[in-house]
Amino acid sequence: MIDYLADKLHLDKSRICMVGDRLDTDVLFGKDNGLRTVLVLSGVTSEQKLLSDENTIAPDFYTDTINDFFA
């Protein structure tokens, strides 16, 4: 899907960042498609889960809330 959108909209995938609140869907989708990723901790995934030894999905960045983008 990302390849189609990048081609259709003439976007460089290296300039696309997937932002989401779930490691197992949003961040994994971004990683699997060669995008940078940001996990927002104000949703489903907690910082405790993100930093746990059981977690195998690592976003490139994470933040407490989407509002941090505008601060």
PDB file of N, CA and C in Angstrom:
ATOM      1  N   MET A   1       0.819  -1.183   0.000  1.00  0.00           N
ATOM      2  CA  MET A   1       0.000   0.000   0.000  1.00  0.00           C
ATOM      3  C   MET A   1       0.875   1.263   0.000  1.00  0.00           C
ATOM      4  N   ILE A   2       1.912   1.279   0.826  1.00  0.00           N
ATOM      5  CA  ILE A   2       2.796   2.452   0.888  1.00  0.00           C
ATOM      6  C   ILE A   2       3.520   2.656  -0.436  1.00  0.00           C
ATOM      7  N   ASP A   3       3.967   1.579  -1.037  1.00  0.00           N
ATOM      8  CA  ASP A   3       4.651   1.713  -2.331  1.00  0.00           C
ATOM      9  C   ASP A   3       3.727   2.346  -3.367  1.00  0.00           C
ATOM     10  N   TYR A   4       2.476   1.922  -3.395  1.00  0.00           N
ATOM     11  CA  TYR A   4       1.508   2.496  -4.331  1.00  0.00           C
ATOM     12  C   TYR A   4       1.331   3.989  -4.078  1.00  0.00           C
ATOM     13  N   LEU A   5       1.111   4.363  -2.805  1.00  0.00           N
ATOM     14  CA  LEU A   5       0.909   5.775  -2.467  1.00  0.00           C
ATOM     15  C   LEU A   5       2.142   6.618  -2.768  1.00  0.00           C
ATOM     16  N   ALA A   6       3.309   6.093  -2.428  1.00  0.00           N
ATOM     17  CA  ALA A   6       4.550   6.828  -2.687  1.00  0.00           C
ATOM     18  C   ALA A   6       4.719   7.065  -4.188  1.00  0.00           C
ATOM     19  N   ASP A   7       4.446   6.039  -4.987  1.00  0.00           N
ATOM     20  CA  ASP A   7       4.553   6.193  -6.438  1.00  0.00           C
ATOM     21  C   ASP A   7       3.502   7.156  -6.979  1.00  0.00           C
ATOM     22  N   LYS A   8       2.273   6.974  -6.543  1.00  0.00           N
ATOM     23  CA  LYS A   8       1.161   7.787  -7.042  1.00  0.00           C
ATOM     24  C   LYS A   8       1.330   9.269  -6.693  1.00  0.00           C
ATOM     25  N   LEU A   9       1.829   9.539  -5.485  1.00  0.00           N
ATOM     26  CA  LEU A   9       1.964  10.915  -5.013  1.00  0.00           C
ATOM     27  C   LEU A   9       3.379  11.470  -5.185  1.00  0.00           C
ATOM     28  N   HIS A  10       4.260  10.671  -5.804  1.00  0.00           N
ATOM     29  CA  HIS A  10       5.649  11.072  -6.051  1.00  0.00           C
ATOM     30  C   HIS A  10       6.356  11.452  -4.735  1.00  0.00           C
ATOM     31  N   LEU A  11       6.220  10.566  -3.757  1.00  0.00           N
ATOM     32  CA  LEU A  11       6.845  10.777  -2.447  1.00  0.00           C
ATOM     33  C   LEU A  11       8.057   9.876  -2.285  1.00  0.00           C
ATOM     34  N   ASP A  12       9.067  10.378  -1.633  1.00  0.00           N
ATOM     35  CA  ASP A  12      10.247   9.598  -1.278  1.00  0.00           C
ATOM     36  C   ASP A  12       9.951   8.912   0.058  1.00  0.00           C
ATOM     37  N   LYS A  13       9.964   7.585   0.081  1.00  0.00           N
ATOM     38  CA  LYS A  13       9.624   6.853   1.310  1.00  0.00           C
ATOM     39  C   LYS A  13      10.522   7.224   2.485  1.00  0.00           C
ATOM     40  N   SER A  14      11.715   7.696   2.209  1.00  0.00           N
ATOM     41  CA  SER A  14      12.609   8.079   3.307  1.00  0.00           C
ATOM     42  C   SER A  14      12.116   9.339   4.017  1.00  0.00           C
ATOM     43  N   ARG A  15      11.126  10.013   3.422  1.00  0.00           N
ATOM     44  CA  ARG A  15      10.574  11.230   4.023  1.00  0.00           C
ATOM     45  C   ARG A  15       9.194  11.000   4.653  1.00  0.00           C
ATOM     46  N   ILE A  16       8.770   9.728   4.695  1.00  0.00           N
ATOM     47  CA  ILE A  16       7.475   9.382   5.282  1.00  0.00           C
ATOM     48  C   ILE A  16       7.708   8.782   6.660  1.00  0.00           C
ATOM     49  N   CYS A  17       6.894   9.198   7.633  1.00  0.00           N
ATOM     50  CA  CYS A  17       6.989   8.667   8.988  1.00  0.00           C
ATOM     51  C   CYS A  17       5.616   8.155   9.410  1.00  0.00           C
ATOM     52  N   MET A  18       5.559   6.909   9.820  1.00  0.00           N
ATOM     53  CA  MET A  18       4.322   6.309  10.313  1.00  0.00           C
ATOM     54  C   MET A  18       4.183   6.649  11.790  1.00  0.00           C
ATOM     55  N   VAL A  19       3.076   7.282  12.156  1.00  0.00           N
ATOM     56  CA  VAL A  19       2.798   7.657  13.540  1.00  0.00           C
ATOM     57  C   VAL A  19       1.598   6.855  14.009  1.00  0.00           C
ATOM     58  N   GLY A  20       1.722   6.228  15.169  1.00  0.00           N
ATOM     59  CA  GLY A  20       0.598   5.458  15.689  1.00  0.00           C
ATOM     60  C   GLY A  20       0.747   5.157  17.162  1.00  0.00           C
ATOM     61  N   ASP A  21      -0.290   4.539  17.726  1.00  0.00           N
ATOM     62  CA  ASP A  21      -0.292   4.236  19.159  1.00  0.00           C
ATOM     63  C   ASP A  21      -0.222   2.742  19.462  1.00  0.00           C
ATOM     64  N   ARG A  22       0.002   1.924  18.441  1.00  0.00           N
ATOM     65  CA  ARG A  22       0.090   0.477  18.644  1.00  0.00           C
ATOM     66  C   ARG A  22       1.389  -0.055  18.036  1.00  0.00           C
ATOM     67  N   LEU A  23       2.129  -0.788  18.843  1.00  0.00           N
ATOM     68  CA  LEU A  23       3.360  -1.399  18.339  1.00  0.00           C
ATOM     69  C   LEU A  23       3.068  -2.468  17.296  1.00  0.00           C
ATOM     70  N   ASP A  24       2.089  -3.327  17.575  1.00  0.00           N
ATOM     71  CA  ASP A  24       1.857  -4.517  16.760  1.00  0.00           C
ATOM     72  C   ASP A  24       1.118  -4.243  15.458  1.00  0.00           C
ATOM     73  N   THR A  25       0.627  -3.044  15.262  1.00  0.00           N
ATOM     74  CA  THR A  25      -0.021  -2.716  13.983  1.00  0.00           C
ATOM     75  C   THR A  25       0.654  -1.505  13.338  1.00  0.00           C
ATOM     76  N   ASP A  26       0.554  -0.358  13.966  1.00  0.00           N
ATOM     77  CA  ASP A  26       1.061   0.885  13.374  1.00  0.00           C
ATOM     78  C   ASP A  26       2.571   0.872  13.178  1.00  0.00           C
ATOM     79  N   VAL A  27       3.299   0.622  14.237  1.00  0.00           N
ATOM     80  CA  VAL A  27       4.766   0.642  14.162  1.00  0.00           C
ATOM     81  C   VAL A  27       5.270  -0.511  13.299  1.00  0.00           C
ATOM     82  N   LEU A  28       4.685  -1.682  13.469  1.00  0.00           N
ATOM     83  CA  LEU A  28       5.102  -2.833  12.665  1.00  0.00           C
ATOM     84  C   LEU A  28       4.845  -2.588  11.177  1.00  0.00           C
ATOM     85  N   PHE A  29       3.718  -1.997  10.839  1.00  0.00           N
ATOM     86  CA  PHE A  29       3.420  -1.645   9.443  1.00  0.00           C
ATOM     87  C   PHE A  29       4.494  -0.714   8.888  1.00  0.00           C
ATOM     88  N   GLY A  30       4.826   0.311   9.656  1.00  0.00           N
ATOM     89  CA  GLY A  30       5.860   1.238   9.213  1.00  0.00           C
ATOM     90  C   GLY A  30       7.196   0.554   9.008  1.00  0.00           C
ATOM     91  N   LYS A  31       7.607  -0.228   9.980  1.00  0.00           N
ATOM     92  CA  LYS A  31       8.890  -0.941   9.893  1.00  0.00           C
ATOM     93  C   LYS A  31       8.910  -1.895   8.701  1.00  0.00           C
ATOM     94  N   ASP A  32       7.826  -2.654   8.529  1.00  0.00           N
ATOM     95  CA  ASP A  32       7.761  -3.627   7.433  1.00  0.00           C
ATOM     96  C   ASP A  32       7.778  -2.976   6.056  1.00  0.00           C
ATOM     97  N   ASN A  33       7.455  -1.681   6.004  1.00  0.00           N
ATOM     98  CA  ASN A  33       7.397  -0.976   4.722  1.00  0.00           C
ATOM     99  C   ASN A  33       8.515   0.037   4.553  1.00  0.00           C
ATOM    100  N   GLY A  34       9.541  -0.043   5.393  1.00  0.00           N
ATOM    101  CA  GLY A  34      10.719   0.800   5.221  1.00  0.00           C
ATOM    102  C   GLY A  34      10.532   2.253   5.611  1.00  0.00           C
ATOM    103  N   LEU A  35       9.604   2.526   6.535  1.00  0.00           N
ATOM    104  CA  LEU A  35       9.349   3.891   6.970  1.00  0.00           C
ATOM    105  C   LEU A  35       9.953   4.131   8.344  1.00  0.00           C
ATOM    106  N   ARG A  36      10.216   5.377   8.654  1.00  0.00           N
ATOM    107  CA  ARG A  36      10.533   5.736  10.030  1.00  0.00           C
ATOM    108  C   ARG A  36       9.233   5.665  10.819  1.00  0.00           C
ATOM    109  N   THR A  37       9.356   5.440  12.131  1.00  0.00           N
ATOM    110  CA  THR A  37       8.157   5.259  12.942  1.00  0.00           C
ATOM    111  C   THR A  37       8.222   6.065  14.229  1.00  0.00           C
ATOM    112  N   VAL A  38       7.045   6.522  14.664  1.00  0.00           N
ATOM    113  CA  VAL A  38       6.893   7.201  15.950  1.00  0.00           C
ATOM    114  C   VAL A  38       5.740   6.534  16.684  1.00  0.00           C
ATOM    115  N   LEU A  39       5.993   6.100  17.900  1.00  0.00           N
ATOM    116  CA  LEU A  39       4.947   5.561  18.763  1.00  0.00           C
ATOM    117  C   LEU A  39       4.478   6.664  19.692  1.00  0.00           C
ATOM    118  N   VAL A  40       3.170   6.872  19.741  1.00  0.00           N
ATOM    119  CA  VAL A  40       2.572   7.856  20.634  1.00  0.00           C
ATOM    120  C   VAL A  40       2.008   7.098  21.832  1.00  0.00           C
ATOM    121  N   LEU A  41       2.479   7.441  23.023  1.00  0.00           N
ATOM    122  CA  LEU A  41       2.122   6.691  24.232  1.00  0.00           C
ATOM    123  C   LEU A  41       0.766   7.075  24.819  1.00  0.00           C
ATOM    124  N   SER A  42       0.027   7.960  24.183  1.00  0.00           N
ATOM    125  CA  SER A  42      -1.269   8.380  24.712  1.00  0.00           C
ATOM    126  C   SER A  42      -2.394   7.439  24.286  1.00  0.00           C
ATOM    127  N   GLY A  43      -2.055   6.365  23.608  1.00  0.00           N
ATOM    128  CA  GLY A  43      -3.073   5.433  23.127  1.00  0.00           C
ATOM    129  C   GLY A  43      -2.952   4.065  23.760  1.00  0.00           C
ATOM    130  N   VAL A  44      -2.899   3.043  22.938  1.00  0.00           N
ATOM    131  CA  VAL A  44      -2.956   1.650  23.378  1.00  0.00           C
ATOM    132  C   VAL A  44      -1.677   1.198  24.083  1.00  0.00           C
ATOM    133  N   THR A  45      -0.521   1.492  23.532  1.00  0.00           N
ATOM    134  CA  THR A  45       0.752   0.984  24.059  1.00  0.00           C
ATOM    135  C   THR A  45       1.298   1.893  25.152  1.00  0.00           C
ATOM    136  N   SER A  46       1.654   1.294  26.269  1.00  0.00           N
ATOM    137  CA  SER A  46       2.241   2.047  27.385  1.00  0.00           C
ATOM    138  C   SER A  46       3.764   2.051  27.270  1.00  0.00           C
ATOM    139  N   GLU A  47       4.398   2.972  27.970  1.00  0.00           N
ATOM    140  CA  GLU A  47       5.860   3.006  27.995  1.00  0.00           C
ATOM    141  C   GLU A  47       6.410   1.734  28.636  1.00  0.00           C
ATOM    142  N   GLN A  48       5.710   1.212  29.623  1.00  0.00           N
ATOM    143  CA  GLN A  48       6.127  -0.033  30.275  1.00  0.00           C
ATOM    144  C   GLN A  48       6.178  -1.181  29.270  1.00  0.00           C
ATOM    145  N   LYS A  49       5.158  -1.296  28.432  1.00  0.00           N
ATOM    146  CA  LYS A  49       5.150  -2.347  27.408  1.00  0.00           C
ATOM    147  C   LYS A  49       6.246  -2.102  26.375  1.00  0.00           C
ATOM    148  N   LEU A  50       6.413  -0.857  25.946  1.00  0.00           N
ATOM    149  CA  LEU A  50       7.447  -0.519  24.969  1.00  0.00           C
ATOM    150  C   LEU A  50       8.826  -0.929  25.451  1.00  0.00           C
ATOM    151  N   LEU A  51       9.134  -0.648  26.711  1.00  0.00           N
ATOM    152  CA  LEU A  51      10.470  -0.891  27.256  1.00  0.00           C
ATOM    153  C   LEU A  51      10.655  -2.274  27.862  1.00  0.00           C
ATOM    154  N   SER A  52       9.614  -3.096  27.832  1.00  0.00           N
ATOM    155  CA  SER A  52       9.705  -4.427  28.445  1.00  0.00           C
ATOM    156  C   SER A  52      10.622  -5.343  27.628  1.00  0.00           C
ATOM    157  N   ASP A  53      11.203  -6.311  28.304  1.00  0.00           N
ATOM    158  CA  ASP A  53      12.076  -7.282  27.643  1.00  0.00           C
ATOM    159  C   ASP A  53      11.329  -8.142  26.623  1.00  0.00           C
ATOM    160  N   GLU A  54      10.023  -8.303  26.799  1.00  0.00           N
ATOM    161  CA  GLU A  54       9.218  -9.131  25.893  1.00  0.00           C
ATOM    162  C   GLU A  54       8.944  -8.439  24.555  1.00  0.00           C
ATOM    163  N   ASN A  55       9.024  -7.124  24.524  1.00  0.00           N
ATOM    164  CA  ASN A  55       8.727  -6.383  23.299  1.00  0.00           C
ATOM    165  C   ASN A  55       9.847  -6.559  22.278  1.00  0.00           C
ATOM    166  N   THR A  56       9.462  -6.886  21.059  1.00  0.00           N
ATOM    167  CA  THR A  56      10.443  -7.075  19.980  1.00  0.00           C
ATOM    168  C   THR A  56      10.300  -6.036  18.874  1.00  0.00           C
ATOM    169  N   ILE A  57       9.363  -5.101  19.035  1.00  0.00           N
ATOM    170  CA  ILE A  57       9.114  -4.078  18.007  1.00  0.00           C
ATOM    171  C   ILE A  57       9.567  -2.724  18.551  1.00  0.00           C
ATOM    172  N   ALA A  58      10.541  -2.123  17.889  1.00  0.00           N
ATOM    173  CA  ALA A  58      11.095  -0.861  18.382  1.00  0.00           C
ATOM    174  C   ALA A  58      10.827   0.275  17.388  1.00  0.00           C
ATOM    175  N   PRO A  59      10.084   1.291  17.809  1.00  0.00           N
ATOM    176  CA  PRO A  59       9.913   2.457  16.940  1.00  0.00           C
ATOM    177  C   PRO A  59      11.212   3.246  16.873  1.00  0.00           C
ATOM    178  N   ASP A  60      11.336   4.075  15.858  1.00  0.00           N
ATOM    179  CA  ASP A  60      12.511   4.940  15.770  1.00  0.00           C
ATOM    180  C   ASP A  60      12.477   6.017  16.849  1.00  0.00           C
ATOM    181  N   PHE A  61      11.278   6.475  17.156  1.00  0.00           N
ATOM    182  CA  PHE A  61      11.085   7.507  18.175  1.00  0.00           C
ATOM    183  C   PHE A  61       9.802   7.208  18.925  1.00  0.00           C
ATOM    184  N   TYR A  62       9.679   7.765  20.134  1.00  0.00           N
ATOM    185  CA  TYR A  62       8.392   7.718  20.809  1.00  0.00           C
ATOM    186  C   TYR A  62       8.200   8.988  21.619  1.00  0.00           C
ATOM    187  N   THR A  63       6.938   9.300  21.864  1.00  0.00           N
ATOM    188  CA  THR A  63       6.581  10.517  22.566  1.00  0.00           C
ATOM    189  C   THR A  63       5.322  10.283  23.398  1.00  0.00           C
ATOM    190  N   ASP A  64       5.081  11.129  24.363  1.00  0.00           N
ATOM    191  CA  ASP A  64       3.927  10.956  25.240  1.00  0.00           C
ATOM    192  C   ASP A  64       2.600  11.202  24.526  1.00  0.00           C
ATOM    193  N   THR A  65       2.552  12.206  23.683  1.00  0.00           N
ATOM    194  CA  THR A  65       1.290  12.603  23.066  1.00  0.00           C
ATOM    195  C   THR A  65       1.545  13.231  21.697  1.00  0.00           C
ATOM    196  N   ILE A  66       0.544  13.156  20.858  1.00  0.00           N
ATOM    197  CA  ILE A  66       0.656  13.761  19.522  1.00  0.00           C
ATOM    198  C   ILE A  66       0.858  15.271  19.632  1.00  0.00           C
ATOM    199  N   ASN A  67       0.426  15.853  20.741  1.00  0.00           N
ATOM    200  CA  ASN A  67       0.602  17.299  20.943  1.00  0.00           C
ATOM    201  C   ASN A  67       2.070  17.700  20.985  1.00  0.00           C
ATOM    202  N   ASP A  68       2.957  16.755  21.289  1.00  0.00           N
ATOM    203  CA  ASP A  68       4.391  17.056  21.316  1.00  0.00           C
ATOM    204  C   ASP A  68       4.908  17.486  19.941  1.00  0.00           C
ATOM    205  N   PHE A  69       4.207  17.115  18.888  1.00  0.00           N
ATOM    206  CA  PHE A  69       4.603  17.548  17.552  1.00  0.00           C
ATOM    207  C   PHE A  69       4.395  19.041  17.356  1.00  0.00           C
ATOM    208  N   PHE A  70       3.510  19.621  18.145  1.00  0.00           N
ATOM    209  CA  PHE A  70       3.128  21.009  17.953  1.00  0.00           C
ATOM    210  C   PHE A  70       3.656  21.924  19.045  1.00  0.00           C
ATOM    211  N   ALA A  71       4.402  21.382  19.989  1.00  0.00           N
ATOM    212  CA  ALA A  71       4.902  22.177  21.119  1.00  0.00           C
ATOM    213  C   ALA A  71       6.151  22.941  20.728  1.00  0.00           C
TER     214      ALA A  71
END
